[in-house]
Amino acid sequence: MYKCCMFDLDGTLVNSIYALKRSVDGTLAHFGLGPITLEDTKTFVGDGYKKLVERALKAYGDPELVHFEEALNVYNRVFKECCLYRVEAYEGIPELLAFLKENHILCTVLSNKPHVRTIENINYVFGPDVFDRVYGERESAGIKKKPSPEGVEALLEELGISKEECLYLGDTNTDMETGKNSQVDTVGVLWGFRSRDELKVYEPALLAEHPMDVAEFIKGVNHIE
């Protein structure tokens, strides 16, 4: 029986691709580079902002990463200003969250986005009271970012939930690896930033076309009428 759903943020709960692209474009423009394409943005995200900046620089004119350290500072400044640009919940997500609440299943967030920006996104789109726990990247607290299992394990320990009682949802290979590394059941969501082919090789418990597919899956596992 699932007692907790753990959500990735970008590409899973919210469509933030325009904010991410805008932030990368602003960073690259500082060095006379870019802009990045929307498709490359979708491919480069998922492993934290440092990897995002690294991939963008390498692909758009700085293969030796001469500007990398400065670019990280520029990105953080730009991202702070536009991290909510055109950010919105995916269709069906509010209904899925309502279903989980109605059935007393904990709703949590585990993202590789900087923690402050993660909180900001959640509060802006959903309000402060929808999720039971919200965590972004916490490497400064000694918790490695995804796909390390440490974030999942720390959150489950905090909630007193076993691995068997957790369902993890995400849209990238990083999320699928996180689920496998954490030994929790994983849902690959197909409304996000990556393809079915990328996700299915990890053999998740479910590939979901729509958020309410997750609700139907949970009904079967938890024997909900």
Protein backbone atom coordinates (compact mmCIF):
# COMPACT_ATOMS: atom_id res chain seq x y z
CA MET A 1 0.00 0.00 0.00
CA TYR A 2 1.30 3.42 -0.93
CA LYS A 3 1.29 5.97 1.87
CA CYS A 4 3.45 8.60 0.19
CA CYS A 5 3.87 10.02 -3.31
CA MET A 6 7.19 11.75 -3.93
CA PHE A 7 7.23 14.11 -6.91
CA ASP A 8 10.03 15.55 -8.97
CA LEU A 9 9.25 19.23 -9.68
CA ASP A 10 10.31 20.44 -13.15
CA GLY A 11 8.62 18.46 -15.91
CA THR A 12 6.54 16.47 -13.41
CA LEU A 13 4.46 18.85 -11.30
CA VAL A 14 5.08 22.06 -13.22
CA ASN A 15 6.00 23.07 -16.74
CA SER A 16 8.93 25.36 -16.01
CA ILE A 17 10.74 24.98 -19.32
CA TYR A 18 10.25 28.62 -20.35
CA ALA A 19 11.70 29.89 -17.07
CA LEU A 20 14.66 27.55 -17.42
CA LYS A 21 15.28 28.56 -21.04
CA ARG A 22 15.02 32.24 -20.14
CA SER A 23 17.55 31.76 -17.34
CA VAL A 24 20.02 29.91 -19.56
CA ASP A 25 19.57 32.47 -22.35
CA GLY A 26 20.32 35.29 -19.94
CA THR A 27 23.42 33.50 -18.70
CA LEU A 28 24.77 32.73 -22.16
CA ALA A 29 24.03 36.27 -23.39
CA HIS A 30 26.33 37.62 -20.67
CA PHE A 31 29.19 35.98 -22.60
CA GLY A 32 27.86 36.76 -26.08
CA LEU A 33 26.56 33.23 -26.57
CA GLY A 34 23.20 31.58 -27.22
CA PRO A 35 20.25 31.57 -27.22
CA ILE A 36 19.55 27.92 -26.42
CA THR A 37 16.76 25.97 -28.13
CA LEU A 38 13.74 24.74 -26.21
CA GLU A 39 14.58 21.11 -27.06
CA ASP A 40 18.14 21.46 -25.78
CA THR A 41 16.78 23.00 -22.59
CA LYS A 42 14.63 19.93 -22.05
CA THR A 43 17.63 17.67 -22.61
CA PHE A 44 20.07 19.61 -20.43
CA VAL A 45 17.90 19.89 -17.28
CA GLY A 46 17.39 17.31 -14.54
CA ASP A 47 20.77 17.11 -12.79
CA GLY A 48 20.90 20.45 -11.03
CA TYR A 49 21.79 23.94 -12.22
CA LYS A 50 25.56 23.36 -12.37
CA LYS A 51 25.15 20.57 -14.92
CA LEU A 52 22.61 22.67 -16.81
CA VAL A 53 25.06 25.56 -17.10
CA GLU A 54 27.92 23.22 -17.99
CA ARG A 55 25.96 21.53 -20.77
CA ALA A 56 24.74 24.83 -22.17
CA LEU A 57 28.21 26.36 -22.25
CA LYS A 58 29.73 23.31 -23.93
CA ALA A 59 27.02 23.21 -26.59
CA TYR A 60 26.86 26.95 -27.27
CA GLY A 61 30.42 28.13 -27.68
CA ASP A 62 32.50 27.45 -24.54
CA PRO A 63 33.56 23.77 -24.82
CA GLU A 64 36.53 24.32 -22.50
CA LEU A 65 34.25 25.86 -19.83
CA VAL A 66 36.43 28.95 -19.55
CA HIS A 67 33.44 30.92 -18.22
CA PHE A 68 31.99 28.17 -16.01
CA GLU A 69 32.52 29.62 -12.52
CA GLU A 70 31.40 33.09 -13.54
CA ALA A 71 28.45 31.60 -15.41
CA LEU A 72 27.21 29.86 -12.26
CA ASN A 73 27.04 33.21 -10.48
CA VAL A 74 25.33 34.83 -13.45
CA TYR A 75 22.80 32.00 -13.68
CA ASN A 76 21.88 32.22 -10.01
CA ARG A 77 21.31 35.96 -10.34
CA VAL A 78 19.24 35.63 -13.52
CA PHE A 79 17.29 32.62 -12.27
CA LYS A 80 16.30 34.42 -9.09
CA GLU A 81 14.68 37.09 -11.24
CA CYS A 82 12.79 34.86 -13.66
CA CYS A 83 12.35 31.41 -12.07
CA LEU A 84 8.55 31.84 -12.10
CA TYR A 85 8.32 32.98 -15.73
CA ARG A 86 5.33 31.18 -17.33
CA VAL A 87 5.52 28.40 -14.71
CA GLU A 88 2.26 26.49 -14.31
CA ALA A 89 0.95 23.14 -13.12
CA TYR A 90 0.44 20.47 -15.76
CA GLU A 91 -3.14 19.63 -16.65
CA GLY A 92 -4.47 17.00 -14.25
CA ILE A 93 -1.93 17.60 -11.48
CA PRO A 94 -4.34 19.49 -9.17
CA GLU A 95 -6.86 16.64 -9.55
CA LEU A 96 -4.19 14.03 -8.75
CA LEU A 97 -3.12 15.94 -5.66
CA ALA A 98 -6.75 16.22 -4.54
CA PHE A 99 -7.16 12.44 -4.98
CA LEU A 100 -4.08 11.79 -2.86
CA LYS A 101 -5.28 14.11 -0.11
CA GLU A 102 -8.74 12.52 -0.12
CA ASN A 103 -7.14 9.13 0.39
CA HIS A 104 -4.69 10.27 3.08
CA ILE A 105 -1.59 9.70 0.96
CA LEU A 106 1.27 12.07 1.78
CA CYS A 107 2.34 14.44 -1.00
CA THR A 108 6.02 15.39 -1.08
CA VAL A 109 8.48 17.06 -3.46
CA LEU A 110 12.12 16.15 -4.07
CA SER A 111 13.89 18.29 -6.67
CA ASN A 112 17.43 19.01 -7.83
CA LYS A 113 16.44 22.67 -8.24
CA PRO A 114 18.01 24.95 -5.59
CA HIS A 115 15.97 24.57 -2.41
CA VAL A 116 14.85 28.21 -2.13
CA ARG A 117 13.68 28.26 -5.76
CA THR A 118 11.88 24.93 -5.24
CA ILE A 119 9.90 26.39 -2.33
CA GLU A 120 9.20 29.51 -4.37
CA ASN A 121 7.84 27.50 -7.31
CA ILE A 122 5.62 25.31 -5.14
CA ASN A 123 4.17 28.21 -3.17
CA TYR A 124 3.55 30.23 -6.34
CA VAL A 125 1.76 27.44 -8.22
CA PHE A 126 0.09 25.42 -5.46
CA GLY A 127 0.23 27.49 -2.27
CA PRO A 128 2.06 26.65 0.95
CA ASP A 129 -0.31 24.01 2.34
CA VAL A 130 -0.69 21.37 -0.39
CA PHE A 131 2.49 19.35 0.16
CA ASP A 132 3.56 17.65 3.36
CA ARG A 133 7.27 18.17 2.65
CA VAL A 134 9.10 20.13 -0.06
CA TYR A 135 12.84 19.77 -0.61
CA GLY A 136 15.14 21.04 -3.31
CA GLU A 137 18.86 20.37 -3.58
CA ARG A 138 20.42 20.05 -0.11
CA GLU A 139 24.05 19.18 -0.72
CA SER A 140 25.08 21.87 1.77
CA ALA A 141 23.30 19.73 4.38
CA GLY A 142 25.28 16.66 3.31
CA ILE A 143 22.49 15.11 1.22
CA LYS A 144 23.61 14.29 -2.30
CA LYS A 145 21.34 15.31 -5.16
CA LYS A 146 19.47 12.84 -7.35
CA PRO A 147 20.09 10.21 -8.66
CA SER A 148 21.69 9.48 -5.29
CA PRO A 149 19.15 7.73 -3.04
CA GLU A 150 20.08 9.95 -0.10
CA GLY A 151 17.30 12.51 -0.64
CA VAL A 152 14.61 9.85 -0.90
CA GLU A 153 15.95 7.96 2.11
CA ALA A 154 16.20 11.08 4.28
CA LEU A 155 12.65 12.11 3.42
CA LEU A 156 11.21 8.66 4.08
CA GLU A 157 13.01 8.48 7.42
CA GLU A 158 11.66 11.91 8.36
CA LEU A 159 8.11 10.78 7.55
CA GLY A 160 8.40 7.30 9.05
CA ILE A 161 7.48 5.73 5.70
CA SER A 162 9.02 2.50 4.35
CA LYS A 163 10.38 2.17 0.81
CA GLU A 164 7.55 -0.21 -0.03
CA GLU A 165 5.04 2.49 0.89
CA CYS A 166 6.51 5.16 -1.42
CA LEU A 167 5.77 5.90 -5.08
CA TYR A 168 8.25 8.21 -6.80
CA LEU A 169 7.21 10.21 -9.90
CA GLY A 170 9.55 11.86 -12.40
CA ASP A 171 10.08 12.67 -16.06
CA THR A 172 13.81 12.07 -16.75
CA ASN A 173 16.41 9.33 -16.69
CA THR A 174 17.75 10.94 -13.51
CA ASP A 175 14.38 10.33 -11.86
CA MET A 176 14.21 6.73 -13.04
CA GLU A 177 17.72 6.12 -11.69
CA THR A 178 16.72 7.79 -8.42
CA GLY A 179 13.84 5.35 -8.03
CA LYS A 180 16.02 2.34 -8.77
CA ASN A 181 18.84 3.51 -6.49
CA SER A 182 16.33 4.14 -3.70
CA GLN A 183 14.52 0.83 -4.26
CA VAL A 184 11.11 2.50 -4.45
CA ASP A 185 8.42 2.00 -7.08
CA THR A 186 8.75 4.60 -9.81
CA VAL A 187 6.38 6.25 -12.27
CA GLY A 188 7.74 7.69 -15.51
CA VAL A 189 5.54 10.63 -16.48
CA LEU A 190 5.17 11.26 -20.21
CA TRP A 191 3.87 14.84 -20.07
CA GLY A 192 7.28 16.24 -19.08
CA PHE A 193 10.61 16.96 -20.73
CA ARG A 194 11.71 13.51 -21.96
CA SER A 195 10.50 10.70 -24.19
CA ARG A 196 8.80 7.38 -23.55
CA ASP A 197 11.84 5.61 -25.02
CA GLU A 198 14.16 7.23 -22.50
CA LEU A 199 12.01 6.25 -19.53
CA LYS A 200 10.82 2.76 -20.47
CA VAL A 201 14.32 1.25 -20.48
CA TYR A 202 14.30 1.64 -16.68
CA GLU A 203 11.15 -0.49 -16.43
CA PRO A 204 9.19 1.78 -14.07
CA ALA A 205 6.10 0.41 -12.34
CA LEU A 206 4.02 2.71 -14.57
CA LEU A 207 4.44 4.94 -17.61
CA ALA A 208 1.72 7.57 -17.19
CA GLU A 209 0.26 9.54 -20.09
CA HIS A 210 -1.85 11.71 -17.75
CA PRO A 211 -1.70 12.45 -14.02
CA MET A 212 -4.97 10.64 -13.37
CA ASP A 213 -3.40 7.45 -14.75
CA VAL A 214 -1.39 7.56 -11.52
CA ALA A 215 -4.59 7.79 -9.48
CA GLU A 216 -5.98 4.72 -11.24
CA PHE A 217 -2.75 2.83 -10.63
CA ILE A 218 -2.82 3.70 -6.92
CA LYS A 219 -6.47 2.65 -6.69
CA GLY A 220 -5.48 -0.80 -7.87
CA VAL A 221 -2.55 -1.16 -5.49
CA ASN A 222 -4.33 0.32 -2.45
CA HIS A 223 -7.69 -1.34 -3.24
CA ILE A 224 -9.55 1.96 -3.37
CA GLU A 225 -13.08 1.80 -4.77
